[in-house]
Amino acid sequence: IAFGSPYPSFPSDIASMPGAMVSGK
């Protein structure tokens, strides 16, 4: 995942709803 600028909080951000995964199907 490439960001337009540094995004240091990404690992913690995807520990809640923003990081939930829905079936690709």
PDBML (XML) file of the C-alpha atoms, coordinates in Angstrom:
<?xml version="1.0" encoding="UTF-8" ?>
<PDBx:datablock datablockName="MODEL"
   xmlns:PDBx="http://pdbml.pdb.org/schema/pdbx-v50.xsd"
   xmlns:xsi="http://www.w3.org/2001/XMLSchema-instance"
   xsi:schemaLocation="http://pdbml.pdb.org/schema/pdbx-v50.xsd pdbx-v50.xsd">
   <PDBx:atom_siteCategory>
      <PDBx:atom_site id="1">
         <PDBx:B_iso_or_equiv>0.00</PDBx:B_iso_or_equiv>
         <PDBx:Cartn_x>0.000</PDBx:Cartn_x>
         <PDBx:Cartn_y>0.000</PDBx:Cartn_y>
         <PDBx:Cartn_z>0.000</PDBx:Cartn_z>
         <PDBx:auth_asym_id>A</PDBx:auth_asym_id>
         <PDBx:auth_atom_id>CA</PDBx:auth_atom_id>
         <PDBx:auth_comp_id>ILE</PDBx:auth_comp_id>
         <PDBx:auth_seq_id>1</PDBx:auth_seq_id>
         <PDBx:group_PDB>ATOM</PDBx:group_PDB>
         <PDBx:label_alt_id xsi:nil="true" />
         <PDBx:label_asym_id>A</PDBx:label_asym_id>
         <PDBx:label_atom_id>CA</PDBx:label_atom_id>
         <PDBx:label_comp_id>ILE</PDBx:label_comp_id>
         <PDBx:label_entity_id>1</PDBx:label_entity_id>
         <PDBx:label_seq_id>1</PDBx:label_seq_id>
         <PDBx:occupancy>1.00</PDBx:occupancy>
         <PDBx:pdbx_PDB_model_num>1</PDBx:pdbx_PDB_model_num>
         <PDBx:type_symbol>C</PDBx:type_symbol>
      </PDBx:atom_site>
      <PDBx:atom_site id="2">
         <PDBx:B_iso_or_equiv>0.00</PDBx:B_iso_or_equiv>
         <PDBx:Cartn_x>1.722</PDBx:Cartn_x>
         <PDBx:Cartn_y>3.148</PDBx:Cartn_y>
         <PDBx:Cartn_z>-1.233</PDBx:Cartn_z>
         <PDBx:auth_asym_id>A</PDBx:auth_asym_id>
         <PDBx:auth_atom_id>CA</PDBx:auth_atom_id>
         <PDBx:auth_comp_id>ALA</PDBx:auth_comp_id>
         <PDBx:auth_seq_id>2</PDBx:auth_seq_id>
         <PDBx:group_PDB>ATOM</PDBx:group_PDB>
         <PDBx:label_alt_id xsi:nil="true" />
         <PDBx:label_asym_id>A</PDBx:label_asym_id>
         <PDBx:label_atom_id>CA</PDBx:label_atom_id>
         <PDBx:label_comp_id>ALA</PDBx:label_comp_id>
         <PDBx:label_entity_id>1</PDBx:label_entity_id>
         <PDBx:label_seq_id>2</PDBx:label_seq_id>
         <PDBx:occupancy>1.00</PDBx:occupancy>
         <PDBx:pdbx_PDB_model_num>1</PDBx:pdbx_PDB_model_num>
         <PDBx:type_symbol>C</PDBx:type_symbol>
      </PDBx:atom_site>
      <PDBx:atom_site id="3">
         <PDBx:B_iso_or_equiv>0.00</PDBx:B_iso_or_equiv>
         <PDBx:Cartn_x>0.688</PDBx:Cartn_x>
         <PDBx:Cartn_y>6.510</PDBx:Cartn_y>
         <PDBx:Cartn_z>0.193</PDBx:Cartn_z>
         <PDBx:auth_asym_id>A</PDBx:auth_asym_id>
         <PDBx:auth_atom_id>CA</PDBx:auth_atom_id>
         <PDBx:auth_comp_id>PHE</PDBx:auth_comp_id>
         <PDBx:auth_seq_id>3</PDBx:auth_seq_id>
         <PDBx:group_PDB>ATOM</PDBx:group_PDB>
         <PDBx:label_alt_id xsi:nil="true" />
         <PDBx:label_asym_id>A</PDBx:label_asym_id>
         <PDBx:label_atom_id>CA</PDBx:label_atom_id>
         <PDBx:label_comp_id>PHE</PDBx:label_comp_id>
         <PDBx:label_entity_id>1</PDBx:label_entity_id>
         <PDBx:label_seq_id>3</PDBx:label_seq_id>
         <PDBx:occupancy>1.00</PDBx:occupancy>
         <PDBx:pdbx_PDB_model_num>1</PDBx:pdbx_PDB_model_num>
         <PDBx:type_symbol>C</PDBx:type_symbol>
      </PDBx:atom_site>
      <PDBx:atom_site id="4">
         <PDBx:B_iso_or_equiv>0.00</PDBx:B_iso_or_equiv>
         <PDBx:Cartn_x>1.172</PDBx:Cartn_x>
         <PDBx:Cartn_y>9.934</PDBx:Cartn_y>
         <PDBx:Cartn_z>-1.303</PDBx:Cartn_z>
         <PDBx:auth_asym_id>A</PDBx:auth_asym_id>
         <PDBx:auth_atom_id>CA</PDBx:auth_atom_id>
         <PDBx:auth_comp_id>GLY</PDBx:auth_comp_id>
         <PDBx:auth_seq_id>4</PDBx:auth_seq_id>
         <PDBx:group_PDB>ATOM</PDBx:group_PDB>
         <PDBx:label_alt_id xsi:nil="true" />
         <PDBx:label_asym_id>A</PDBx:label_asym_id>
         <PDBx:label_atom_id>CA</PDBx:label_atom_id>
         <PDBx:label_comp_id>GLY</PDBx:label_comp_id>
         <PDBx:label_entity_id>1</PDBx:label_entity_id>
         <PDBx:label_seq_id>4</PDBx:label_seq_id>
         <PDBx:occupancy>1.00</PDBx:occupancy>
         <PDBx:pdbx_PDB_model_num>1</PDBx:pdbx_PDB_model_num>
         <PDBx:type_symbol>C</PDBx:type_symbol>
      </PDBx:atom_site>
      <PDBx:atom_site id="5">
         <PDBx:B_iso_or_equiv>0.00</PDBx:B_iso_or_equiv>
         <PDBx:Cartn_x>3.185</PDBx:Cartn_x>
         <PDBx:Cartn_y>10.899</PDBx:Cartn_y>
         <PDBx:Cartn_z>1.777</PDBx:Cartn_z>
         <PDBx:auth_asym_id>A</PDBx:auth_asym_id>
         <PDBx:auth_atom_id>CA</PDBx:auth_atom_id>
         <PDBx:auth_comp_id>SER</PDBx:auth_comp_id>
         <PDBx:auth_seq_id>5</PDBx:auth_seq_id>
         <PDBx:group_PDB>ATOM</PDBx:group_PDB>
         <PDBx:label_alt_id xsi:nil="true" />
         <PDBx:label_asym_id>A</PDBx:label_asym_id>
         <PDBx:label_atom_id>CA</PDBx:label_atom_id>
         <PDBx:label_comp_id>SER</PDBx:label_comp_id>
         <PDBx:label_entity_id>1</PDBx:label_entity_id>
         <PDBx:label_seq_id>5</PDBx:label_seq_id>
         <PDBx:occupancy>1.00</PDBx:occupancy>
         <PDBx:pdbx_PDB_model_num>1</PDBx:pdbx_PDB_model_num>
         <PDBx:type_symbol>C</PDBx:type_symbol>
      </PDBx:atom_site>
      <PDBx:atom_site id="6">
         <PDBx:B_iso_or_equiv>0.00</PDBx:B_iso_or_equiv>
         <PDBx:Cartn_x>4.447</PDBx:Cartn_x>
         <PDBx:Cartn_y>9.044</PDBx:Cartn_y>
         <PDBx:Cartn_z>4.868</PDBx:Cartn_z>
         <PDBx:auth_asym_id>A</PDBx:auth_asym_id>
         <PDBx:auth_atom_id>CA</PDBx:auth_atom_id>
         <PDBx:auth_comp_id>PRO</PDBx:auth_comp_id>
         <PDBx:auth_seq_id>6</PDBx:auth_seq_id>
         <PDBx:group_PDB>ATOM</PDBx:group_PDB>
         <PDBx:label_alt_id xsi:nil="true" />
         <PDBx:label_asym_id>A</PDBx:label_asym_id>
         <PDBx:label_atom_id>CA</PDBx:label_atom_id>
         <PDBx:label_comp_id>PRO</PDBx:label_comp_id>
         <PDBx:label_entity_id>1</PDBx:label_entity_id>
         <PDBx:label_seq_id>6</PDBx:label_seq_id>
         <PDBx:occupancy>1.00</PDBx:occupancy>
         <PDBx:pdbx_PDB_model_num>1</PDBx:pdbx_PDB_model_num>
         <PDBx:type_symbol>C</PDBx:type_symbol>
      </PDBx:atom_site>
      <PDBx:atom_site id="7">
         <PDBx:B_iso_or_equiv>0.00</PDBx:B_iso_or_equiv>
         <PDBx:Cartn_x>1.627</PDBx:Cartn_x>
         <PDBx:Cartn_y>7.433</PDBx:Cartn_y>
         <PDBx:Cartn_z>6.861</PDBx:Cartn_z>
         <PDBx:auth_asym_id>A</PDBx:auth_asym_id>
         <PDBx:auth_atom_id>CA</PDBx:auth_atom_id>
         <PDBx:auth_comp_id>TYR</PDBx:auth_comp_id>
         <PDBx:auth_seq_id>7</PDBx:auth_seq_id>
         <PDBx:group_PDB>ATOM</PDBx:group_PDB>
         <PDBx:label_alt_id xsi:nil="true" />
         <PDBx:label_asym_id>A</PDBx:label_asym_id>
         <PDBx:label_atom_id>CA</PDBx:label_atom_id>
         <PDBx:label_comp_id>TYR</PDBx:label_comp_id>
         <PDBx:label_entity_id>1</PDBx:label_entity_id>
         <PDBx:label_seq_id>7</PDBx:label_seq_id>
         <PDBx:occupancy>1.00</PDBx:occupancy>
         <PDBx:pdbx_PDB_model_num>1</PDBx:pdbx_PDB_model_num>
         <PDBx:type_symbol>C</PDBx:type_symbol>
      </PDBx:atom_site>
      <PDBx:atom_site id="8">
         <PDBx:B_iso_or_equiv>0.00</PDBx:B_iso_or_equiv>
         <PDBx:Cartn_x>3.129</PDBx:Cartn_x>
         <PDBx:Cartn_y>6.094</PDBx:Cartn_y>
         <PDBx:Cartn_z>10.102</PDBx:Cartn_z>
         <PDBx:auth_asym_id>A</PDBx:auth_asym_id>
         <PDBx:auth_atom_id>CA</PDBx:auth_atom_id>
         <PDBx:auth_comp_id>PRO</PDBx:auth_comp_id>
         <PDBx:auth_seq_id>8</PDBx:auth_seq_id>
         <PDBx:group_PDB>ATOM</PDBx:group_PDB>
         <PDBx:label_alt_id xsi:nil="true" />
         <PDBx:label_asym_id>A</PDBx:label_asym_id>
         <PDBx:label_atom_id>CA</PDBx:label_atom_id>
         <PDBx:label_comp_id>PRO</PDBx:label_comp_id>
         <PDBx:label_entity_id>1</PDBx:label_entity_id>
         <PDBx:label_seq_id>8</PDBx:label_seq_id>
         <PDBx:occupancy>1.00</PDBx:occupancy>
         <PDBx:pdbx_PDB_model_num>1</PDBx:pdbx_PDB_model_num>
         <PDBx:type_symbol>C</PDBx:type_symbol>
      </PDBx:atom_site>
      <PDBx:atom_site id="9">
         <PDBx:B_iso_or_equiv>0.00</PDBx:B_iso_or_equiv>
         <PDBx:Cartn_x>-0.182</PDBx:Cartn_x>
         <PDBx:Cartn_y>5.221</PDBx:Cartn_y>
         <PDBx:Cartn_z>11.781</PDBx:Cartn_z>
         <PDBx:auth_asym_id>A</PDBx:auth_asym_id>
         <PDBx:auth_atom_id>CA</PDBx:auth_atom_id>
         <PDBx:auth_comp_id>SER</PDBx:auth_comp_id>
         <PDBx:auth_seq_id>9</PDBx:auth_seq_id>
         <PDBx:group_PDB>ATOM</PDBx:group_PDB>
         <PDBx:label_alt_id xsi:nil="true" />
         <PDBx:label_asym_id>A</PDBx:label_asym_id>
         <PDBx:label_atom_id>CA</PDBx:label_atom_id>
         <PDBx:label_comp_id>SER</PDBx:label_comp_id>
         <PDBx:label_entity_id>1</PDBx:label_entity_id>
         <PDBx:label_seq_id>9</PDBx:label_seq_id>
         <PDBx:occupancy>1.00</PDBx:occupancy>
         <PDBx:pdbx_PDB_model_num>1</PDBx:pdbx_PDB_model_num>
         <PDBx:type_symbol>C</PDBx:type_symbol>
      </PDBx:atom_site>
      <PDBx:atom_site id="10">
         <PDBx:B_iso_or_equiv>0.00</PDBx:B_iso_or_equiv>
         <PDBx:Cartn_x>-1.262</PDBx:Cartn_x>
         <PDBx:Cartn_y>2.721</PDBx:Cartn_y>
         <PDBx:Cartn_z>9.118</PDBx:Cartn_z>
         <PDBx:auth_asym_id>A</PDBx:auth_asym_id>
         <PDBx:auth_atom_id>CA</PDBx:auth_atom_id>
         <PDBx:auth_comp_id>PHE</PDBx:auth_comp_id>
         <PDBx:auth_seq_id>10</PDBx:auth_seq_id>
         <PDBx:group_PDB>ATOM</PDBx:group_PDB>
         <PDBx:label_alt_id xsi:nil="true" />
         <PDBx:label_asym_id>A</PDBx:label_asym_id>
         <PDBx:label_atom_id>CA</PDBx:label_atom_id>
         <PDBx:label_comp_id>PHE</PDBx:label_comp_id>
         <PDBx:label_entity_id>1</PDBx:label_entity_id>
         <PDBx:label_seq_id>10</PDBx:label_seq_id>
         <PDBx:occupancy>1.00</PDBx:occupancy>
         <PDBx:pdbx_PDB_model_num>1</PDBx:pdbx_PDB_model_num>
         <PDBx:type_symbol>C</PDBx:type_symbol>
      </PDBx:atom_site>
      <PDBx:atom_site id="11">
         <PDBx:B_iso_or_equiv>0.00</PDBx:B_iso_or_equiv>
         <PDBx:Cartn_x>-0.708</PDBx:Cartn_x>
         <PDBx:Cartn_y>-0.487</PDBx:Cartn_y>
         <PDBx:Cartn_z>11.189</PDBx:Cartn_z>
         <PDBx:auth_asym_id>A</PDBx:auth_asym_id>
         <PDBx:auth_atom_id>CA</PDBx:auth_atom_id>
         <PDBx:auth_comp_id>PRO</PDBx:auth_comp_id>
         <PDBx:auth_seq_id>11</PDBx:auth_seq_id>
         <PDBx:group_PDB>ATOM</PDBx:group_PDB>
         <PDBx:label_alt_id xsi:nil="true" />
         <PDBx:label_asym_id>A</PDBx:label_asym_id>
         <PDBx:label_atom_id>CA</PDBx:label_atom_id>
         <PDBx:label_comp_id>PRO</PDBx:label_comp_id>
         <PDBx:label_entity_id>1</PDBx:label_entity_id>
         <PDBx:label_seq_id>11</PDBx:label_seq_id>
         <PDBx:occupancy>1.00</PDBx:occupancy>
         <PDBx:pdbx_PDB_model_num>1</PDBx:pdbx_PDB_model_num>
         <PDBx:type_symbol>C</PDBx:type_symbol>
      </PDBx:atom_site>
      <PDBx:atom_site id="12">
         <PDBx:B_iso_or_equiv>0.00</PDBx:B_iso_or_equiv>
         <PDBx:Cartn_x>-2.810</PDBx:Cartn_x>
         <PDBx:Cartn_y>0.886</PDBx:Cartn_y>
         <PDBx:Cartn_z>14.066</PDBx:Cartn_z>
         <PDBx:auth_asym_id>A</PDBx:auth_asym_id>
         <PDBx:auth_atom_id>CA</PDBx:auth_atom_id>
         <PDBx:auth_comp_id>SER</PDBx:auth_comp_id>
         <PDBx:auth_seq_id>12</PDBx:auth_seq_id>
         <PDBx:group_PDB>ATOM</PDBx:group_PDB>
         <PDBx:label_alt_id xsi:nil="true" />
         <PDBx:label_asym_id>A</PDBx:label_asym_id>
         <PDBx:label_atom_id>CA</PDBx:label_atom_id>
         <PDBx:label_comp_id>SER</PDBx:label_comp_id>
         <PDBx:label_entity_id>1</PDBx:label_entity_id>
         <PDBx:label_seq_id>12</PDBx:label_seq_id>
         <PDBx:occupancy>1.00</PDBx:occupancy>
         <PDBx:pdbx_PDB_model_num>1</PDBx:pdbx_PDB_model_num>
         <PDBx:type_symbol>C</PDBx:type_symbol>
      </PDBx:atom_site>
      <PDBx:atom_site id="13">
         <PDBx:B_iso_or_equiv>0.00</PDBx:B_iso_or_equiv>
         <PDBx:Cartn_x>-5.453</PDBx:Cartn_x>
         <PDBx:Cartn_y>2.340</PDBx:Cartn_y>
         <PDBx:Cartn_z>11.737</PDBx:Cartn_z>
         <PDBx:auth_asym_id>A</PDBx:auth_asym_id>
         <PDBx:auth_atom_id>CA</PDBx:auth_atom_id>
         <PDBx:auth_comp_id>ASP</PDBx:auth_comp_id>
         <PDBx:auth_seq_id>13</PDBx:auth_seq_id>
         <PDBx:group_PDB>ATOM</PDBx:group_PDB>
         <PDBx:label_alt_id xsi:nil="true" />
         <PDBx:label_asym_id>A</PDBx:label_asym_id>
         <PDBx:label_atom_id>CA</PDBx:label_atom_id>
         <PDBx:label_comp_id>ASP</PDBx:label_comp_id>
         <PDBx:label_entity_id>1</PDBx:label_entity_id>
         <PDBx:label_seq_id>13</PDBx:label_seq_id>
         <PDBx:occupancy>1.00</PDBx:occupancy>
         <PDBx:pdbx_PDB_model_num>1</PDBx:pdbx_PDB_model_num>
         <PDBx:type_symbol>C</PDBx:type_symbol>
      </PDBx:atom_site>
      <PDBx:atom_site id="14">
         <PDBx:B_iso_or_equiv>0.00</PDBx:B_iso_or_equiv>
         <PDBx:Cartn_x>-6.194</PDBx:Cartn_x>
         <PDBx:Cartn_y>-1.065</PDBx:Cartn_y>
         <PDBx:Cartn_z>10.207</PDBx:Cartn_z>
         <PDBx:auth_asym_id>A</PDBx:auth_asym_id>
         <PDBx:auth_atom_id>CA</PDBx:auth_atom_id>
         <PDBx:auth_comp_id>ILE</PDBx:auth_comp_id>
         <PDBx:auth_seq_id>14</PDBx:auth_seq_id>
         <PDBx:group_PDB>ATOM</PDBx:group_PDB>
         <PDBx:label_alt_id xsi:nil="true" />
         <PDBx:label_asym_id>A</PDBx:label_asym_id>
         <PDBx:label_atom_id>CA</PDBx:label_atom_id>
         <PDBx:label_comp_id>ILE</PDBx:label_comp_id>
         <PDBx:label_entity_id>1</PDBx:label_entity_id>
         <PDBx:label_seq_id>14</PDBx:label_seq_id>
         <PDBx:occupancy>1.00</PDBx:occupancy>
         <PDBx:pdbx_PDB_model_num>1</PDBx:pdbx_PDB_model_num>
         <PDBx:type_symbol>C</PDBx:type_symbol>
      </PDBx:atom_site>
      <PDBx:atom_site id="15">
         <PDBx:B_iso_or_equiv>0.00</PDBx:B_iso_or_equiv>
         <PDBx:Cartn_x>-6.705</PDBx:Cartn_x>
         <PDBx:Cartn_y>-2.613</PDBx:Cartn_y>
         <PDBx:Cartn_z>13.655</PDBx:Cartn_z>
         <PDBx:auth_asym_id>A</PDBx:auth_asym_id>
         <PDBx:auth_atom_id>CA</PDBx:auth_atom_id>
         <PDBx:auth_comp_id>ALA</PDBx:auth_comp_id>
         <PDBx:auth_seq_id>15</PDBx:auth_seq_id>
         <PDBx:group_PDB>ATOM</PDBx:group_PDB>
         <PDBx:label_alt_id xsi:nil="true" />
         <PDBx:label_asym_id>A</PDBx:label_asym_id>
         <PDBx:label_atom_id>CA</PDBx:label_atom_id>
         <PDBx:label_comp_id>ALA</PDBx:label_comp_id>
         <PDBx:label_entity_id>1</PDBx:label_entity_id>
         <PDBx:label_seq_id>15</PDBx:label_seq_id>
         <PDBx:occupancy>1.00</PDBx:occupancy>
         <PDBx:pdbx_PDB_model_num>1</PDBx:pdbx_PDB_model_num>
         <PDBx:type_symbol>C</PDBx:type_symbol>
      </PDBx:atom_site>
      <PDBx:atom_site id="16">
         <PDBx:B_iso_or_equiv>0.00</PDBx:B_iso_or_equiv>
         <PDBx:Cartn_x>-10.317</PDBx:Cartn_x>
         <PDBx:Cartn_y>-1.400</PDBx:Cartn_y>
         <PDBx:Cartn_z>13.625</PDBx:Cartn_z>
         <PDBx:auth_asym_id>A</PDBx:auth_asym_id>
         <PDBx:auth_atom_id>CA</PDBx:auth_atom_id>
         <PDBx:auth_comp_id>SER</PDBx:auth_comp_id>
         <PDBx:auth_seq_id>16</PDBx:auth_seq_id>
         <PDBx:group_PDB>ATOM</PDBx:group_PDB>
         <PDBx:label_alt_id xsi:nil="true" />
         <PDBx:label_asym_id>A</PDBx:label_asym_id>
         <PDBx:label_atom_id>CA</PDBx:label_atom_id>
         <PDBx:label_comp_id>SER</PDBx:label_comp_id>
         <PDBx:label_entity_id>1</PDBx:label_entity_id>
         <PDBx:label_seq_id>16</PDBx:label_seq_id>
         <PDBx:occupancy>1.00</PDBx:occupancy>
         <PDBx:pdbx_PDB_model_num>1</PDBx:pdbx_PDB_model_num>
         <PDBx:type_symbol>C</PDBx:type_symbol>
      </PDBx:atom_site>
      <PDBx:atom_site id="17">
         <PDBx:B_iso_or_equiv>0.00</PDBx:B_iso_or_equiv>
         <PDBx:Cartn_x>-13.099</PDBx:Cartn_x>
         <PDBx:Cartn_y>-0.940</PDBx:Cartn_y>
         <PDBx:Cartn_z>11.064</PDBx:Cartn_z>
         <PDBx:auth_asym_id>A</PDBx:auth_asym_id>
         <PDBx:auth_atom_id>CA</PDBx:auth_atom_id>
         <PDBx:auth_comp_id>MET</PDBx:auth_comp_id>
         <PDBx:auth_seq_id>17</PDBx:auth_seq_id>
         <PDBx:group_PDB>ATOM</PDBx:group_PDB>
         <PDBx:label_alt_id xsi:nil="true" />
         <PDBx:label_asym_id>A</PDBx:label_asym_id>
         <PDBx:label_atom_id>CA</PDBx:label_atom_id>
         <PDBx:label_comp_id>MET</PDBx:label_comp_id>
         <PDBx:label_entity_id>1</PDBx:label_entity_id>
         <PDBx:label_seq_id>17</PDBx:label_seq_id>
         <PDBx:occupancy>1.00</PDBx:occupancy>
         <PDBx:pdbx_PDB_model_num>1</PDBx:pdbx_PDB_model_num>
         <PDBx:type_symbol>C</PDBx:type_symbol>
      </PDBx:atom_site>
      <PDBx:atom_site id="18">
         <PDBx:B_iso_or_equiv>0.00</PDBx:B_iso_or_equiv>
         <PDBx:Cartn_x>-10.887</PDBx:Cartn_x>
         <PDBx:Cartn_y>0.648</PDBx:Cartn_y>
         <PDBx:Cartn_z>8.359</PDBx:Cartn_z>
         <PDBx:auth_asym_id>A</PDBx:auth_asym_id>
         <PDBx:auth_atom_id>CA</PDBx:auth_atom_id>
         <PDBx:auth_comp_id>PRO</PDBx:auth_comp_id>
         <PDBx:auth_seq_id>18</PDBx:auth_seq_id>
         <PDBx:group_PDB>ATOM</PDBx:group_PDB>
         <PDBx:label_alt_id xsi:nil="true" />
         <PDBx:label_asym_id>A</PDBx:label_asym_id>
         <PDBx:label_atom_id>CA</PDBx:label_atom_id>
         <PDBx:label_comp_id>PRO</PDBx:label_comp_id>
         <PDBx:label_entity_id>1</PDBx:label_entity_id>
         <PDBx:label_seq_id>18</PDBx:label_seq_id>
         <PDBx:occupancy>1.00</PDBx:occupancy>
         <PDBx:pdbx_PDB_model_num>1</PDBx:pdbx_PDB_model_num>
         <PDBx:type_symbol>C</PDBx:type_symbol>
      </PDBx:atom_site>
      <PDBx:atom_site id="19">
         <PDBx:B_iso_or_equiv>0.00</PDBx:B_iso_or_equiv>
         <PDBx:Cartn_x>-8.976</PDBx:Cartn_x>
         <PDBx:Cartn_y>-2.653</PDBx:Cartn_y>
         <PDBx:Cartn_z>8.238</PDBx:Cartn_z>
         <PDBx:auth_asym_id>A</PDBx:auth_asym_id>
         <PDBx:auth_atom_id>CA</PDBx:auth_atom_id>
         <PDBx:auth_comp_id>GLY</PDBx:auth_comp_id>
         <PDBx:auth_seq_id>19</PDBx:auth_seq_id>
         <PDBx:group_PDB>ATOM</PDBx:group_PDB>
         <PDBx:label_alt_id xsi:nil="true" />
         <PDBx:label_asym_id>A</PDBx:label_asym_id>
         <PDBx:label_atom_id>CA</PDBx:label_atom_id>
         <PDBx:label_comp_id>GLY</PDBx:label_comp_id>
         <PDBx:label_entity_id>1</PDBx:label_entity_id>
         <PDBx:label_seq_id>19</PDBx:label_seq_id>
         <PDBx:occupancy>1.00</PDBx:occupancy>
         <PDBx:pdbx_PDB_model_num>1</PDBx:pdbx_PDB_model_num>
         <PDBx:type_symbol>C</PDBx:type_symbol>
      </PDBx:atom_site>
      <PDBx:atom_site id="20">
         <PDBx:B_iso_or_equiv>0.00</PDBx:B_iso_or_equiv>
         <PDBx:Cartn_x>-12.008</PDBx:Cartn_x>
         <PDBx:Cartn_y>-4.959</PDBx:Cartn_y>
         <PDBx:Cartn_z>8.075</PDBx:Cartn_z>
         <PDBx:auth_asym_id>A</PDBx:auth_asym_id>
         <PDBx:auth_atom_id>CA</PDBx:auth_atom_id>
         <PDBx:auth_comp_id>ALA</PDBx:auth_comp_id>
         <PDBx:auth_seq_id>20</PDBx:auth_seq_id>
         <PDBx:group_PDB>ATOM</PDBx:group_PDB>
         <PDBx:label_alt_id xsi:nil="true" />
         <PDBx:label_asym_id>A</PDBx:label_asym_id>
         <PDBx:label_atom_id>CA</PDBx:label_atom_id>
         <PDBx:label_comp_id>ALA</PDBx:label_comp_id>
         <PDBx:label_entity_id>1</PDBx:label_entity_id>
         <PDBx:label_seq_id>20</PDBx:label_seq_id>
         <PDBx:occupancy>1.00</PDBx:occupancy>
         <PDBx:pdbx_PDB_model_num>1</PDBx:pdbx_PDB_model_num>
         <PDBx:type_symbol>C</PDBx:type_symbol>
      </PDBx:atom_site>
      <PDBx:atom_site id="21">
         <PDBx:B_iso_or_equiv>0.00</PDBx:B_iso_or_equiv>
         <PDBx:Cartn_x>-12.000</PDBx:Cartn_x>
         <PDBx:Cartn_y>-7.234</PDBx:Cartn_y>
         <PDBx:Cartn_z>5.056</PDBx:Cartn_z>
         <PDBx:auth_asym_id>A</PDBx:auth_asym_id>
         <PDBx:auth_atom_id>CA</PDBx:auth_atom_id>
         <PDBx:auth_comp_id>MET</PDBx:auth_comp_id>
         <PDBx:auth_seq_id>21</PDBx:auth_seq_id>
         <PDBx:group_PDB>ATOM</PDBx:group_PDB>
         <PDBx:label_alt_id xsi:nil="true" />
         <PDBx:label_asym_id>A</PDBx:label_asym_id>
         <PDBx:label_atom_id>CA</PDBx:label_atom_id>
         <PDBx:label_comp_id>MET</PDBx:label_comp_id>
         <PDBx:label_entity_id>1</PDBx:label_entity_id>
         <PDBx:label_seq_id>21</PDBx:label_seq_id>
         <PDBx:occupancy>1.00</PDBx:occupancy>
         <PDBx:pdbx_PDB_model_num>1</PDBx:pdbx_PDB_model_num>
         <PDBx:type_symbol>C</PDBx:type_symbol>
      </PDBx:atom_site>
      <PDBx:atom_site id="22">
         <PDBx:B_iso_or_equiv>0.00</PDBx:B_iso_or_equiv>
         <PDBx:Cartn_x>-15.052</PDBx:Cartn_x>
         <PDBx:Cartn_y>-8.093</PDBx:Cartn_y>
         <PDBx:Cartn_z>2.960</PDBx:Cartn_z>
         <PDBx:auth_asym_id>A</PDBx:auth_asym_id>
         <PDBx:auth_atom_id>CA</PDBx:auth_atom_id>
         <PDBx:auth_comp_id>VAL</PDBx:auth_comp_id>
         <PDBx:auth_seq_id>22</PDBx:auth_seq_id>
         <PDBx:group_PDB>ATOM</PDBx:group_PDB>
         <PDBx:label_alt_id xsi:nil="true" />
         <PDBx:label_asym_id>A</PDBx:label_asym_id>
         <PDBx:label_atom_id>CA</PDBx:label_atom_id>
         <PDBx:label_comp_id>VAL</PDBx:label_comp_id>
         <PDBx:label_entity_id>1</PDBx:label_entity_id>
         <PDBx:label_seq_id>22</PDBx:label_seq_id>
         <PDBx:occupancy>1.00</PDBx:occupancy>
         <PDBx:pdbx_PDB_model_num>1</PDBx:pdbx_PDB_model_num>
         <PDBx:type_symbol>C</PDBx:type_symbol>
      </PDBx:atom_site>
      <PDBx:atom_site id="23">
         <PDBx:B_iso_or_equiv>0.00</PDBx:B_iso_or_equiv>
         <PDBx:Cartn_x>-15.131</PDBx:Cartn_x>
         <PDBx:Cartn_y>-11.151</PDBx:Cartn_y>
         <PDBx:Cartn_z>0.713</PDBx:Cartn_z>
         <PDBx:auth_asym_id>A</PDBx:auth_asym_id>
         <PDBx:auth_atom_id>CA</PDBx:auth_atom_id>
         <PDBx:auth_comp_id>SER</PDBx:auth_comp_id>
         <PDBx:auth_seq_id>23</PDBx:auth_seq_id>
         <PDBx:group_PDB>ATOM</PDBx:group_PDB>
         <PDBx:label_alt_id xsi:nil="true" />
         <PDBx:label_asym_id>A</PDBx:label_asym_id>
         <PDBx:label_atom_id>CA</PDBx:label_atom_id>
         <PDBx:label_comp_id>SER</PDBx:label_comp_id>
         <PDBx:label_entity_id>1</PDBx:label_entity_id>
         <PDBx:label_seq_id>23</PDBx:label_seq_id>
         <PDBx:occupancy>1.00</PDBx:occupancy>
         <PDBx:pdbx_PDB_model_num>1</PDBx:pdbx_PDB_model_num>
         <PDBx:type_symbol>C</PDBx:type_symbol>
      </PDBx:atom_site>
      <PDBx:atom_site id="24">
         <PDBx:B_iso_or_equiv>0.00</PDBx:B_iso_or_equiv>
         <PDBx:Cartn_x>-13.783</PDBx:Cartn_x>
         <PDBx:Cartn_y>-10.368</PDBx:Cartn_y>
         <PDBx:Cartn_z>-2.748</PDBx:Cartn_z>
         <PDBx:auth_asym_id>A</PDBx:auth_asym_id>
         <PDBx:auth_atom_id>CA</PDBx:auth_atom_id>
         <PDBx:auth_comp_id>GLY</PDBx:auth_comp_id>
         <PDBx:auth_seq_id>24</PDBx:auth_seq_id>
         <PDBx:group_PDB>ATOM</PDBx:group_PDB>
         <PDBx:label_alt_id xsi:nil="true" />
         <PDBx:label_asym_id>A</PDBx:label_asym_id>
         <PDBx:label_atom_id>CA</PDBx:label_atom_id>
         <PDBx:label_comp_id>GLY</PDBx:label_comp_id>
         <PDBx:label_entity_id>1</PDBx:label_entity_id>
         <PDBx:label_seq_id>24</PDBx:label_seq_id>
         <PDBx:occupancy>1.00</PDBx:occupancy>
         <PDBx:pdbx_PDB_model_num>1</PDBx:pdbx_PDB_model_num>
         <PDBx:type_symbol>C</PDBx:type_symbol>
      </PDBx:atom_site>
      <PDBx:atom_site id="25">
         <PDBx:B_iso_or_equiv>0.00</PDBx:B_iso_or_equiv>
         <PDBx:Cartn_x>-16.436</PDBx:Cartn_x>
         <PDBx:Cartn_y>-12.669</PDBx:Cartn_y>
         <PDBx:Cartn_z>-4.203</PDBx:Cartn_z>
         <PDBx:auth_asym_id>A</PDBx:auth_asym_id>
         <PDBx:auth_atom_id>CA</PDBx:auth_atom_id>
         <PDBx:auth_comp_id>LYS</PDBx:auth_comp_id>
         <PDBx:auth_seq_id>25</PDBx:auth_seq_id>
         <PDBx:group_PDB>ATOM</PDBx:group_PDB>
         <PDBx:label_alt_id xsi:nil="true" />
         <PDBx:label_asym_id>A</PDBx:label_asym_id>
         <PDBx:label_atom_id>CA</PDBx:label_atom_id>
         <PDBx:label_comp_id>LYS</PDBx:label_comp_id>
         <PDBx:label_entity_id>1</PDBx:label_entity_id>
         <PDBx:label_seq_id>25</PDBx:label_seq_id>
         <PDBx:occupancy>1.00</PDBx:occupancy>
         <PDBx:pdbx_PDB_model_num>1</PDBx:pdbx_PDB_model_num>
         <PDBx:type_symbol>C</PDBx:type_symbol>
      </PDBx:atom_site>
   </PDBx:atom_siteCategory>
</PDBx:datablock>
